[in-house]
Structure formats: C-alpha cells, structure tokens
C-alpha atoms as a PDB file:
ATOM      1  CA  ALA A   1    -232.086 -30.995  49.453  1.00  0.00           C
ATOM      2  CA  GLY A   2    -234.767 -31.740  51.937  1.00  0.00           C
ATOM      3  CA  SER A   3    -235.201 -34.451  54.522  1.00  0.00           C
ATOM      4  CA  ALA A   4    -238.784 -35.593  54.794  1.00  0.00           C
ATOM      5  CA  THR A   5    -240.010 -35.654  58.379  1.00  0.00           C
ATOM      6  CA  ARG A   6    -243.580 -36.217  57.262  1.00  0.00           C
ATOM      7  CA  ARG A   7    -244.840 -37.873  54.133  1.00  0.00           C
ATOM      8  CA  SER A   8    -244.650 -34.716  51.993  1.00  0.00           C
ATOM      9  CA  LEU A   9    -242.242 -31.875  51.250  1.00  0.00           C
ATOM     10  CA  THR A  10    -242.904 -28.446  49.717  1.00  0.00           C
ATOM     11  CA  VAL A  11    -240.428 -27.270  47.060  1.00  0.00           C
ATOM     12  CA  THR A  12    -240.329 -23.487  46.461  1.00  0.00           C
ATOM     13  CA  TRP A  13    -238.452 -21.427  43.835  1.00  0.00           C
ATOM     14  CA  ASN A  14    -238.336 -17.928  42.321  1.00  0.00           C
ATOM     15  CA  ALA A  15    -240.481 -17.160  39.284  1.00  0.00           C
ATOM     16  CA  SER A  16    -239.078 -16.941  35.773  1.00  0.00           C
ATOM     17  CA  THR A  17    -240.212 -14.471  33.116  1.00  0.00           C
ATOM     18  CA  GLY A  18    -242.468 -15.715  30.327  1.00  0.00           C
ATOM     19  CA  GLU A  19    -242.902 -19.254  31.577  1.00  0.00           C
ATOM     20  CA  ALA A  20    -245.997 -21.375  31.003  1.00  0.00           C
ATOM     21  CA  GLY A  21    -245.108 -23.581  33.962  1.00  0.00           C
ATOM     22  CA  TYR A  22    -242.375 -25.600  35.640  1.00  0.00           C
ATOM     23  CA  TYR A  23    -241.173 -29.201  35.668  1.00  0.00           C
ATOM     24  CA  VAL A  24    -240.085 -30.561  39.073  1.00  0.00           C
ATOM     25  CA  GLU A  25    -237.675 -33.499  39.261  1.00  0.00           C
ATOM     26  CA  ARG A  26    -236.389 -35.528  42.232  1.00  0.00           C
ATOM     27  CA  SER A  27    -233.188 -37.531  42.733  1.00  0.00           C
ATOM     28  CA  PRO A  28    -231.978 -39.753  45.568  1.00  0.00           C
ATOM     29  CA  ASN A  29    -228.443 -38.296  45.441  1.00  0.00           C
ATOM     30  CA  GLY A  30    -228.631 -34.953  43.586  1.00  0.00           C
ATOM     31  CA  THR A  31    -226.494 -36.050  40.640  1.00  0.00           C
ATOM     32  CA  SER A  32    -228.278 -38.934  38.892  1.00  0.00           C
ATOM     33  CA  GLY A  33    -231.515 -40.876  38.828  1.00  0.00           C
ATOM     34  CA  TRP A  34    -233.670 -37.780  38.203  1.00  0.00           C
ATOM     35  CA  THR A  35    -237.389 -38.521  37.947  1.00  0.00           C
ATOM     36  CA  LEU A  36    -240.129 -36.117  36.901  1.00  0.00           C
ATOM     37  CA  VAL A  37    -242.446 -35.894  39.925  1.00  0.00           C
ATOM     38  CA  GLY A  38    -244.771 -33.210  38.625  1.00  0.00           C
ATOM     39  CA  SER A  39    -245.334 -29.915  36.889  1.00  0.00           C
ATOM     40  CA  THR A  40    -247.058 -26.640  37.680  1.00  0.00           C
ATOM     41  CA  GLY A  41    -248.873 -23.978  35.746  1.00  0.00           C
ATOM     42  CA  GLU A  42    -247.875 -20.408  34.957  1.00  0.00           C
ATOM     43  CA  ASN A  43    -246.763 -18.268  37.932  1.00  0.00           C
ATOM     44  CA  VAL A  44    -246.948 -21.216  40.358  1.00  0.00           C
ATOM     45  CA  THR A  45    -243.693 -21.358  42.361  1.00  0.00           C
ATOM     46  CA  THR A  46    -244.388 -24.157  44.833  1.00  0.00           C
ATOM     47  CA  PHE A  47    -244.897 -27.886  44.480  1.00  0.00           C
ATOM     48  CA  VAL A  48    -245.894 -30.387  47.175  1.00  0.00           C
ATOM     49  CA  ASP A  49    -244.263 -33.791  46.706  1.00  0.00           C
ATOM     50  CA  GLY A  50    -246.217 -36.427  48.625  1.00  0.00           C
ATOM     51  CA  GLY A  51    -245.776 -40.080  49.433  1.00  0.00           C
ATOM     52  CA  LEU A  52    -242.224 -39.658  50.735  1.00  0.00           C
ATOM     53  CA  ALA A  53    -240.415 -41.839  53.256  1.00  0.00           C
ATOM     54  CA  ALA A  54    -239.688 -40.163  56.608  1.00  0.00           C
ATOM     55  CA  GLY A  55    -235.983 -39.700  57.387  1.00  0.00           C
ATOM     56  CA  THR A  56    -234.964 -39.928  53.716  1.00  0.00           C
ATOM     57  CA  THR A  57    -233.050 -37.137  51.941  1.00  0.00           C
ATOM     58  CA  TYR A  58    -234.431 -35.996  48.585  1.00  0.00           C
ATOM     59  CA  HIS A  59    -232.871 -33.624  46.038  1.00  0.00           C
ATOM     60  CA  TYR A  60    -234.930 -31.480  43.669  1.00  0.00           C
ATOM     61  CA  ARG A  61    -234.400 -29.396  40.559  1.00  0.00           C
ATOM     62  CA  VAL A  62    -236.819 -27.235  38.583  1.00  0.00           C
ATOM     63  CA  ARG A  63    -236.937 -25.848  35.072  1.00  0.00           C
ATOM     64  CA  ALA A  64    -239.363 -23.516  33.355  1.00  0.00           C
ATOM     65  CA  PHE A  65    -241.178 -24.360  30.132  1.00  0.00           C
ATOM     66  CA  GLY A  66    -243.229 -22.326  27.677  1.00  0.00           C
ATOM     67  CA  SER A  67    -243.687 -21.369  24.042  1.00  0.00           C
ATOM     68  CA  GLY A  68    -241.974 -24.529  22.814  1.00  0.00           C
ATOM     69  CA  THR A  69    -238.804 -23.945  24.858  1.00  0.00           C
ATOM     70  CA  THR A  70    -237.486 -24.977  28.244  1.00  0.00           C
ATOM     71  CA  SER A  71    -234.950 -23.327  30.521  1.00  0.00           C
ATOM     72  CA  ASP A  72    -231.833 -24.890  31.971  1.00  0.00           C
ATOM     73  CA  TYR A  73    -232.340 -26.855  35.175  1.00  0.00           C
ATOM     74  CA  SER A  74    -231.967 -25.045  38.467  1.00  0.00           C
ATOM     75  CA  THR A  75    -229.127 -25.974  40.783  1.00  0.00           C
ATOM     76  CA  ALA A  76    -230.114 -29.084  42.725  1.00  0.00           C
ATOM     77  CA  ALA A  77    -231.327 -28.377  46.225  1.00  0.00           C
END
C-alpha cells in the first residue's frame, strides 16, 4: 500500500519470465473495488499512477500477461 503525498505514486515489482507486459490495478481497501489503472510493456517493472489525492491510502496489485495467458495477481501492496 502507498499513501500519496503528492499527486502520483510509483509502483515497482520484480520481473517475471516470458511476460509481454503487466496489468496494474488499484483498490481503495486492498480487498475489493479493484480497477485497472494501466499496463506496461515487456520488461517494464515500474508504473507511475497519477492524479491521486494527497493523504489517501491506495493498494496495488500486478499480474503479468503474454502469449494468451496471464499470471496470478501479486499480493496486494
């Protein structure tokens, strides 16, 4: 989870093998209300989520996609 002190937050994760990219989702509580906020390309392991409200806690999860398959979601952070 991250608390936005500015209007953006950088989400970082470890690379997966054989991925074509990653989906990044955000939730207000880490358990429900997940919304796709963006995706990245192959070998990109950071995502900047902008337009956030200062002092608000956000939860993120990531999953890899490629070759017609997707991985399980990461643990929410």
